[in-house]
């Protein structure tokens, strides 16, 4: 009989640790924020010593955010789903350890008449 401890296919070493995202977030599944994936995160200070509320991932996020970094990059560096990182980010924002800068709205494109006038002007050359 093969047990999970002896089955070579039970856990693939390349897969990394087998921890469900909800375990990392303490059971929370929905973030309070809806920050854009390209929003820039920046730590307001270095990570404090490990406190009771902090998961190791909180400290990793603060370490990654010592320079401006996109939310999606943080998730990729930690190997966690974006939603999980958003939940973790809530705790850091509540304690003022991280600041978020949302991207600016893209300027509205001019209507087609401007492009038509440009094309007509170029054709006239």
N, C-alpha and C. Protein backbone atom coordinates (compact mmCIF):
# COMPACT_ATOMS: atom_id res chain seq x y z
N UNK A 1 0.84 -1.18 0.00
CA UNK A 1 0.00 0.00 0.00
C UNK A 1 0.89 1.25 0.00
N UNK A 2 0.54 2.22 -0.81
CA UNK A 2 1.30 3.46 -0.90
C UNK A 2 0.61 4.52 -0.05
N UNK A 3 1.38 5.19 0.78
CA UNK A 3 0.83 6.28 1.60
C UNK A 3 1.28 7.60 1.00
N UNK A 4 0.62 8.70 1.40
CA UNK A 4 1.04 9.99 0.87
C UNK A 4 2.51 10.31 1.15
N UNK A 5 3.05 9.75 2.25
CA UNK A 5 4.45 10.02 2.58
C UNK A 5 5.42 9.29 1.66
N UNK A 6 4.98 8.16 1.09
CA UNK A 6 5.90 7.38 0.27
C UNK A 6 5.57 7.45 -1.21
N UNK A 7 4.41 7.97 -1.55
CA UNK A 7 4.01 8.07 -2.95
C UNK A 7 4.82 9.17 -3.63
N UNK A 8 5.65 8.83 -4.63
CA UNK A 8 6.49 9.85 -5.27
C UNK A 8 5.68 10.89 -6.05
N UNK A 9 4.43 10.60 -6.38
CA UNK A 9 3.62 11.53 -7.16
C UNK A 9 2.72 12.40 -6.28
N UNK A 10 2.77 12.20 -4.95
CA UNK A 10 1.89 12.95 -4.06
C UNK A 10 2.21 14.45 -4.08
N UNK A 11 3.48 14.79 -3.98
CA UNK A 11 3.91 16.19 -4.02
C UNK A 11 5.12 16.28 -4.93
N UNK A 12 5.02 17.12 -5.93
CA UNK A 12 6.12 17.36 -6.85
C UNK A 12 6.98 18.47 -6.26
N UNK A 13 8.29 18.24 -6.10
CA UNK A 13 9.18 19.24 -5.51
C UNK A 13 9.15 20.56 -6.28
N UNK A 14 8.99 20.48 -7.57
CA UNK A 14 8.97 21.70 -8.39
C UNK A 14 7.71 22.51 -8.15
N UNK A 15 6.66 21.88 -7.61
CA UNK A 15 5.40 22.58 -7.38
C UNK A 15 5.48 23.52 -6.19
N UNK A 16 6.46 23.33 -5.32
CA UNK A 16 6.59 24.19 -4.16
C UNK A 16 5.67 23.74 -3.04
N UNK A 17 5.53 24.57 -2.02
CA UNK A 17 4.72 24.17 -0.88
C UNK A 17 3.24 24.09 -1.25
N UNK A 18 2.56 23.16 -0.63
CA UNK A 18 1.14 22.98 -0.91
C UNK A 18 0.35 23.65 0.22
N UNK A 19 0.09 24.93 0.06
CA UNK A 19 -0.69 25.69 1.03
C UNK A 19 -1.78 26.42 0.25
N UNK A 20 -2.99 26.21 0.65
CA UNK A 20 -4.11 26.88 -0.01
C UNK A 20 -4.09 28.37 0.29
N UNK A 21 -4.46 29.19 -0.69
CA UNK A 21 -4.43 30.64 -0.48
C UNK A 21 -5.24 31.10 0.74
N UNK A 22 -6.38 30.45 1.02
CA UNK A 22 -7.18 30.89 2.17
C UNK A 22 -6.46 30.63 3.49
N UNK A 23 -5.53 29.69 3.51
CA UNK A 23 -4.74 29.46 4.72
C UNK A 23 -3.76 30.61 4.94
N UNK A 24 -3.24 31.16 3.86
CA UNK A 24 -2.31 32.29 3.95
C UNK A 24 -3.01 33.54 4.44
N UNK A 25 -4.28 33.71 4.07
CA UNK A 25 -5.02 34.92 4.42
C UNK A 25 -5.85 34.77 5.69
N UNK A 26 -5.70 33.66 6.38
CA UNK A 26 -6.47 33.47 7.61
C UNK A 26 -7.93 33.22 7.35
N UNK A 27 -8.25 32.67 6.20
CA UNK A 27 -9.63 32.35 5.86
C UNK A 27 -10.36 33.40 5.06
N UNK A 28 -9.80 34.60 4.95
CA UNK A 28 -10.46 35.65 4.17
C UNK A 28 -10.26 35.38 2.69
N UNK A 29 -11.33 35.48 1.94
CA UNK A 29 -11.25 35.21 0.51
C UNK A 29 -11.45 36.45 -0.34
N UNK A 30 -12.12 37.47 0.21
CA UNK A 30 -12.40 38.67 -0.58
C UNK A 30 -11.64 39.86 -0.02
N UNK A 31 -10.90 40.53 -0.90
CA UNK A 31 -10.22 41.75 -0.45
C UNK A 31 -11.21 42.89 -0.31
N UNK A 32 -10.89 43.85 0.53
CA UNK A 32 -11.73 45.04 0.65
C UNK A 32 -11.42 46.04 -0.45
N UNK A 33 -10.27 45.88 -1.09
CA UNK A 33 -9.87 46.82 -2.13
C UNK A 33 -9.97 46.17 -3.50
N UNK A 34 -10.04 46.97 -4.50
CA UNK A 34 -10.06 46.47 -5.87
C UNK A 34 -8.94 47.12 -6.67
N UNK A 35 -7.77 47.17 -6.07
CA UNK A 35 -6.65 47.86 -6.70
C UNK A 35 -6.33 47.25 -8.06
N UNK A 36 -5.99 48.12 -8.97
CA UNK A 36 -5.60 47.75 -10.33
C UNK A 36 -4.34 46.89 -10.27
N UNK A 37 -4.23 45.95 -11.19
CA UNK A 37 -3.07 45.07 -11.21
C UNK A 37 -1.77 45.82 -11.49
N UNK A 38 -1.85 46.99 -12.11
CA UNK A 38 -0.65 47.78 -12.37
C UNK A 38 -0.46 48.90 -11.36
N UNK A 39 -1.29 48.93 -10.31
CA UNK A 39 -1.12 49.92 -9.24
C UNK A 39 0.26 49.71 -8.62
N UNK A 40 0.92 50.81 -8.32
CA UNK A 40 2.26 50.72 -7.73
C UNK A 40 2.17 50.71 -6.21
N UNK A 41 2.89 49.78 -5.61
CA UNK A 41 2.96 49.67 -4.16
C UNK A 41 4.32 50.17 -3.71
N UNK A 42 4.34 50.86 -2.57
CA UNK A 42 5.59 51.35 -2.01
C UNK A 42 5.49 51.27 -0.50
N UNK A 43 6.48 50.63 0.11
CA UNK A 43 6.51 50.52 1.57
C UNK A 43 6.79 51.90 2.17
N UNK A 44 6.15 52.17 3.28
CA UNK A 44 6.38 53.44 3.97
C UNK A 44 7.55 53.32 4.93
N UNK A 45 7.96 52.07 5.23
CA UNK A 45 9.12 51.80 6.08
C UNK A 45 9.50 50.34 5.90
N UNK A 46 10.55 49.93 6.56
CA UNK A 46 10.93 48.52 6.48
C UNK A 46 9.93 47.70 7.29
N UNK A 47 9.91 46.42 7.02
CA UNK A 47 8.97 45.54 7.72
C UNK A 47 9.28 45.53 9.21
N UNK A 48 8.23 45.67 10.04
CA UNK A 48 8.46 45.59 11.48
C UNK A 48 8.78 44.15 11.86
N UNK A 49 9.29 43.94 13.07
CA UNK A 49 9.52 42.56 13.50
C UNK A 49 8.21 41.78 13.42
N UNK A 50 8.31 40.49 13.25
CA UNK A 50 7.13 39.63 13.12
C UNK A 50 6.18 39.89 14.29
N UNK A 51 4.96 40.26 13.97
CA UNK A 51 3.94 40.51 14.97
C UNK A 51 2.88 39.42 14.85
N UNK A 52 2.01 39.32 15.84
CA UNK A 52 1.01 38.26 15.88
C UNK A 52 0.09 38.27 14.65
N UNK A 53 -0.25 39.43 14.16
CA UNK A 53 -1.19 39.52 13.04
C UNK A 53 -0.54 39.20 11.70
N UNK A 54 0.79 39.27 11.65
CA UNK A 54 1.50 39.16 10.37
C UNK A 54 1.77 37.72 9.97
N UNK A 55 1.47 37.45 8.72
CA UNK A 55 1.91 36.20 8.11
C UNK A 55 3.29 36.48 7.51
N UNK A 56 4.09 35.46 7.29
CA UNK A 56 5.40 35.70 6.66
C UNK A 56 5.27 36.43 5.32
N UNK A 57 4.17 36.20 4.63
CA UNK A 57 3.95 36.86 3.34
C UNK A 57 3.80 38.36 3.49
N UNK A 58 3.26 38.83 4.63
CA UNK A 58 3.16 40.28 4.86
C UNK A 58 4.56 40.90 4.84
N UNK A 59 5.48 40.29 5.55
CA UNK A 59 6.85 40.81 5.59
C UNK A 59 7.50 40.75 4.21
N UNK A 60 7.21 39.69 3.46
CA UNK A 60 7.77 39.57 2.11
C UNK A 60 7.24 40.69 1.22
N UNK A 61 5.97 41.03 1.36
CA UNK A 61 5.39 42.10 0.55
C UNK A 61 6.08 43.42 0.89
N UNK A 62 6.24 43.71 2.17
CA UNK A 62 6.90 44.96 2.57
C UNK A 62 8.33 44.99 2.04
N UNK A 63 9.02 43.87 2.10
CA UNK A 63 10.39 43.82 1.56
C UNK A 63 10.41 44.09 0.06
N UNK A 64 9.47 43.50 -0.68
CA UNK A 64 9.41 43.73 -2.12
C UNK A 64 9.07 45.18 -2.45
N UNK A 65 8.33 45.83 -1.56
CA UNK A 65 7.84 47.18 -1.83
C UNK A 65 8.80 48.27 -1.36
N UNK A 66 10.04 47.94 -1.09
CA UNK A 66 11.00 48.97 -0.71
C UNK A 66 11.30 49.88 -1.89
N UNK A 67 10.99 49.44 -3.07
CA UNK A 67 11.02 50.27 -4.27
C UNK A 67 9.65 50.12 -4.91
N UNK A 68 9.18 51.09 -5.69
CA UNK A 68 7.86 50.95 -6.31
C UNK A 68 7.78 49.67 -7.15
N UNK A 69 6.70 48.95 -6.97
CA UNK A 69 6.51 47.69 -7.68
C UNK A 69 5.01 47.51 -7.92
N UNK A 70 4.67 46.97 -9.09
CA UNK A 70 3.28 46.75 -9.44
C UNK A 70 2.68 45.62 -8.62
N UNK A 71 1.41 45.72 -8.33
CA UNK A 71 0.70 44.69 -7.58
C UNK A 71 0.86 43.32 -8.24
N UNK A 72 0.76 43.27 -9.55
CA UNK A 72 0.90 42.00 -10.27
C UNK A 72 2.30 41.42 -10.08
N UNK A 73 3.31 42.28 -10.03
CA UNK A 73 4.69 41.79 -9.82
C UNK A 73 4.86 41.20 -8.43
N UNK A 74 4.21 41.80 -7.45
CA UNK A 74 4.29 41.28 -6.08
C UNK A 74 3.70 39.87 -6.06
N UNK A 75 2.52 39.72 -6.67
CA UNK A 75 1.88 38.40 -6.72
C UNK A 75 2.78 37.39 -7.42
N UNK A 76 3.38 37.79 -8.53
CA UNK A 76 4.25 36.88 -9.28
C UNK A 76 5.49 36.51 -8.46
N UNK A 77 6.09 37.48 -7.78
CA UNK A 77 7.28 37.20 -6.98
C UNK A 77 6.98 36.27 -5.81
N UNK A 78 5.78 36.39 -5.24
CA UNK A 78 5.42 35.53 -4.12
C UNK A 78 4.85 34.18 -4.57
N UNK A 79 4.48 34.10 -5.84
CA UNK A 79 3.88 32.87 -6.34
C UNK A 79 2.49 32.65 -5.78
N UNK A 80 1.78 33.76 -5.51
CA UNK A 80 0.43 33.69 -4.95
C UNK A 80 -0.57 34.29 -5.92
N UNK A 81 -1.83 33.86 -5.84
CA UNK A 81 -2.85 34.47 -6.69
C UNK A 81 -3.03 35.95 -6.35
N UNK A 82 -3.42 36.72 -7.32
CA UNK A 82 -3.60 38.16 -7.16
C UNK A 82 -4.60 38.46 -6.04
N UNK A 83 -5.69 37.72 -5.98
CA UNK A 83 -6.70 37.94 -4.94
C UNK A 83 -6.13 37.75 -3.55
N UNK A 84 -5.27 36.77 -3.39
CA UNK A 84 -4.65 36.51 -2.09
C UNK A 84 -3.75 37.68 -1.69
N UNK A 85 -2.99 38.19 -2.64
CA UNK A 85 -2.11 39.33 -2.35
C UNK A 85 -2.94 40.55 -2.02
N UNK A 86 -4.08 40.73 -2.68
CA UNK A 86 -4.95 41.87 -2.36
C UNK A 86 -5.47 41.77 -0.93
N UNK A 87 -5.81 40.57 -0.48
CA UNK A 87 -6.27 40.38 0.90
C UNK A 87 -5.14 40.70 1.87
N UNK A 88 -3.94 40.21 1.59
CA UNK A 88 -2.80 40.50 2.45
C UNK A 88 -2.49 41.99 2.48
N UNK A 89 -2.66 42.63 1.34
CA UNK A 89 -2.41 44.06 1.23
C UNK A 89 -3.34 44.86 2.14
N UNK A 90 -4.57 44.38 2.34
CA UNK A 90 -5.51 45.07 3.23
C UNK A 90 -4.90 45.30 4.61
N UNK A 91 -4.30 44.26 5.17
CA UNK A 91 -3.70 44.38 6.50
C UNK A 91 -2.55 45.36 6.53
N UNK A 92 -1.76 45.37 5.47
CA UNK A 92 -0.63 46.30 5.40
C UNK A 92 -1.10 47.74 5.24
N UNK A 93 -2.15 47.94 4.47
CA UNK A 93 -2.70 49.29 4.30
C UNK A 93 -3.31 49.79 5.60
N UNK A 94 -4.01 48.90 6.33
CA UNK A 94 -4.62 49.27 7.60
C UNK A 94 -3.59 49.78 8.60
N UNK A 95 -2.39 49.23 8.55
CA UNK A 95 -1.34 49.58 9.50
C UNK A 95 -0.36 50.61 8.94
N UNK A 96 -0.64 51.10 7.74
CA UNK A 96 0.19 52.14 7.14
C UNK A 96 1.58 51.69 6.73
N UNK A 97 1.74 50.40 6.47
CA UNK A 97 3.06 49.89 6.08
C UNK A 97 3.33 50.01 4.58
N UNK A 98 2.26 50.15 3.81
CA UNK A 98 2.37 50.22 2.35
C UNK A 98 1.43 51.31 1.85
N UNK A 99 1.87 51.97 0.80
CA UNK A 99 1.07 52.99 0.12
C UNK A 99 0.79 52.51 -1.30
N UNK A 100 -0.39 52.80 -1.82
CA UNK A 100 -0.78 52.37 -3.17
C UNK A 100 -1.01 53.59 -4.03
N UNK A 101 -0.43 53.59 -5.24
CA UNK A 101 -0.67 54.64 -6.23
C UNK A 101 -1.35 54.00 -7.42
N UNK A 102 -2.59 54.36 -7.61
CA UNK A 102 -3.35 53.82 -8.74
C UNK A 102 -2.89 54.50 -10.02
N UNK A 103 -2.97 53.79 -11.15
CA UNK A 103 -2.59 54.42 -12.42
C UNK A 103 -3.60 55.51 -12.78
N UNK A 104 -3.10 56.50 -13.49
CA UNK A 104 -3.99 57.57 -13.95
C UNK A 104 -4.90 57.05 -15.05
N UNK A 105 -6.05 57.66 -15.13
CA UNK A 105 -6.98 57.30 -16.20
C UNK A 105 -6.36 57.69 -17.54
N UNK A 106 -6.51 56.82 -18.50
CA UNK A 106 -6.00 57.13 -19.83
C UNK A 106 -6.81 58.30 -20.39
N UNK A 107 -6.12 59.21 -21.02
CA UNK A 107 -6.81 60.35 -21.62
C UNK A 107 -7.75 59.84 -22.70
N UNK A 108 -8.88 60.49 -22.80
CA UNK A 108 -9.85 60.10 -23.82
C UNK A 108 -9.26 60.39 -25.19
N UNK A 109 -9.44 59.46 -26.09
CA UNK A 109 -8.95 59.66 -27.45
C UNK A 109 -9.83 60.70 -28.15
N UNK A 110 -9.24 61.48 -29.02
CA UNK A 110 -10.05 62.44 -29.77
C UNK A 110 -11.01 61.68 -30.69
N UNK A 111 -12.06 62.36 -31.09
CA UNK A 111 -13.01 61.66 -31.97
C UNK A 111 -12.39 61.47 -33.36
N UNK A 112 -13.03 60.69 -34.17
CA UNK A 112 -12.50 60.29 -35.48
C UNK A 112 -12.25 61.47 -36.42
N UNK A 113 -12.94 62.59 -36.23
CA UNK A 113 -12.76 63.73 -37.14
C UNK A 113 -11.32 64.26 -37.08
N UNK A 114 -10.69 64.17 -35.92
CA UNK A 114 -9.31 64.63 -35.80
C UNK A 114 -8.39 63.72 -36.62
N UNK A 115 -8.61 62.40 -36.53
CA UNK A 115 -7.78 61.46 -37.29
C UNK A 115 -8.03 61.61 -38.80
N UNK A 116 -9.27 61.85 -39.18
CA UNK A 116 -9.59 62.03 -40.60
C UNK A 116 -8.91 63.29 -41.14
N UNK A 117 -8.92 64.37 -40.35
CA UNK A 117 -8.27 65.61 -40.77
C UNK A 117 -6.76 65.39 -40.90
N UNK A 118 -6.17 64.62 -39.98
CA UNK A 118 -4.75 64.33 -40.03
C UNK A 118 -4.41 63.52 -41.30
N UNK A 119 -5.20 62.49 -41.58
CA UNK A 119 -4.96 61.67 -42.77
C UNK A 119 -5.11 62.50 -44.03
N UNK A 120 -6.14 63.33 -44.08
CA UNK A 120 -6.34 64.17 -45.26
C UNK A 120 -5.20 65.16 -45.43
N UNK A 121 -4.70 65.70 -44.32
CA UNK A 121 -3.56 66.63 -44.39
C UNK A 121 -2.31 65.91 -44.90
N UNK A 122 -2.08 64.69 -44.46
CA UNK A 122 -0.92 63.93 -44.91
C UNK A 122 -1.04 63.58 -46.38
N UNK A 123 -2.23 63.24 -46.83
CA UNK A 123 -2.43 62.92 -48.24
C UNK A 123 -2.18 64.14 -49.14
N UNK A 124 -2.51 65.33 -48.60
CA UNK A 124 -2.34 66.55 -49.39
C UNK A 124 -0.86 66.91 -49.58
N UNK A 125 0.00 66.34 -48.76
CA UNK A 125 1.43 66.65 -48.91
C UNK A 125 1.95 66.02 -50.12
